[in-house]
Amino acid sequence: MNVGLFLQEGRAYDENVSNPGTARGGKVNNRPSIEQPEPLGTSGQCSITMAVAPQSRAILDVESGSDTTGACQTAEDLATKLEPLLPPA
């Protein structure tokens, strides 16, 4: 399993959604977010992008073999724990 957390200044959380057909909008602990199963078209990947400060975002990527559902569950669990550590939305 591989996990990455990236902070990206100057990009809104809802910009550059790679596959809008599978992306799901929502919230992580009340912070606006978008979950993207298989964001690069590869099984076993999941990405959650969360709003940070004006026009910035945090991207949490999880890669777990070929288990996309498991990768998304892990991403959701980690996002819930990491969200309070992020700068304000």
Protein backbone atom coordinates (compact mmCIF):
# COMPACT_ATOMS: atom_id res chain seq x y z
CA MET A 1 0.00 0.00 0.00
CA ASN A 2 1.22 3.49 -0.87
CA VAL A 3 -0.15 6.70 0.65
CA GLY A 4 0.63 10.30 -0.28
CA LEU A 5 -0.58 13.63 1.10
CA PHE A 6 0.05 16.75 -0.96
CA LEU A 7 -0.74 20.38 -0.23
CA GLN A 8 -1.22 22.39 -3.39
CA GLU A 9 -1.44 26.17 -3.29
CA GLY A 10 -3.43 28.05 -5.91
CA ARG A 11 -5.75 25.18 -6.90
CA ALA A 12 -9.31 24.77 -5.66
CA TYR A 13 -10.34 21.33 -4.41
CA ASP A 14 -12.81 20.94 -7.29
CA GLU A 15 -10.37 21.79 -10.12
CA ASN A 16 -8.91 19.17 -12.46
CA VAL A 17 -11.24 16.30 -11.58
CA SER A 18 -9.79 13.61 -13.83
CA ASN A 19 -12.97 11.52 -14.16
CA PRO A 20 -16.10 13.53 -13.28
CA GLY A 21 -18.28 10.50 -14.07
CA THR A 22 -16.97 8.58 -11.04
CA ALA A 23 -16.07 11.49 -8.73
CA ARG A 24 -18.22 11.98 -5.63
CA GLY A 25 -18.57 15.32 -3.88
CA GLY A 26 -18.99 15.41 -0.13
CA LYS A 27 -17.37 16.47 3.11
CA VAL A 28 -14.62 15.18 5.37
CA ASN A 29 -15.40 16.36 8.90
CA ASN A 30 -17.40 19.26 7.42
CA ARG A 31 -14.61 20.22 4.95
CA PRO A 32 -15.66 20.21 1.26
CA SER A 33 -14.10 17.30 -0.61
CA ILE A 34 -14.18 15.16 -3.74
CA GLU A 35 -13.44 11.42 -3.76
CA GLN A 36 -12.18 9.93 -7.01
CA PRO A 37 -11.98 6.15 -7.34
CA GLU A 38 -9.33 5.19 -9.91
CA PRO A 39 -8.36 8.82 -10.64
CA LEU A 40 -5.76 7.75 -13.21
CA GLY A 41 -7.87 4.91 -14.59
CA THR A 42 -5.97 2.22 -12.67
CA SER A 43 -7.58 -0.29 -10.30
CA GLY A 44 -6.58 -0.02 -6.66
CA GLN A 45 -6.25 3.76 -6.54
CA CYS A 46 -8.36 6.34 -4.74
CA SER A 47 -7.89 10.06 -4.24
CA ILE A 48 -9.63 12.47 -1.87
CA THR A 49 -9.16 16.18 -2.49
CA MET A 50 -10.10 18.58 0.34
CA ALA A 51 -10.53 22.35 0.41
CA VAL A 52 -7.78 24.31 2.17
CA ALA A 53 -7.74 28.10 2.63
CA PRO A 54 -8.82 30.24 -0.28
CA GLN A 55 -7.97 28.48 -3.54
CA SER A 56 -5.76 25.72 -2.16
CA ARG A 57 -6.24 22.01 -1.60
CA ALA A 58 -4.94 18.89 0.08
CA ILE A 59 -4.81 15.71 -1.98
CA LEU A 60 -4.73 12.31 -0.27
CA ASP A 61 -3.81 9.45 -2.61
CA VAL A 62 -4.00 5.76 -1.70
CA GLU A 63 -2.86 2.87 -3.90
CA SER A 64 -3.67 -0.65 -2.72
CA GLY A 65 -2.90 -3.34 -5.27
CA SER A 66 -6.02 -3.81 -7.41
CA ASP A 67 -8.61 -3.24 -4.64
CA THR A 68 -10.21 0.12 -5.47
CA THR A 69 -12.94 -0.27 -2.83
CA GLY A 70 -10.33 -0.99 -0.16
CA ALA A 71 -8.19 1.94 -1.32
CA CYS A 72 -11.18 4.29 -1.04
CA GLN A 73 -12.07 2.98 2.43
CA THR A 74 -8.49 3.52 3.58
CA ALA A 75 -8.46 7.00 2.01
CA GLU A 76 -11.72 7.89 3.80
CA ASP A 77 -10.38 6.64 7.14
CA LEU A 78 -7.10 8.53 6.75
CA ALA A 79 -8.79 11.71 5.51
CA THR A 80 -11.01 11.77 8.60
CA LYS A 81 -7.93 11.55 10.84
CA LEU A 82 -5.75 13.98 8.85
CA GLU A 83 -8.37 16.66 8.16
CA PRO A 84 -8.11 18.33 11.61
CA LEU A 85 -4.36 18.82 11.02
CA LEU A 86 -4.89 20.82 7.81
CA PRO A 87 -5.01 24.62 7.60
CA PRO A 88 -8.55 26.08 7.63
CA ALA A 89 -10.77 25.67 4.58
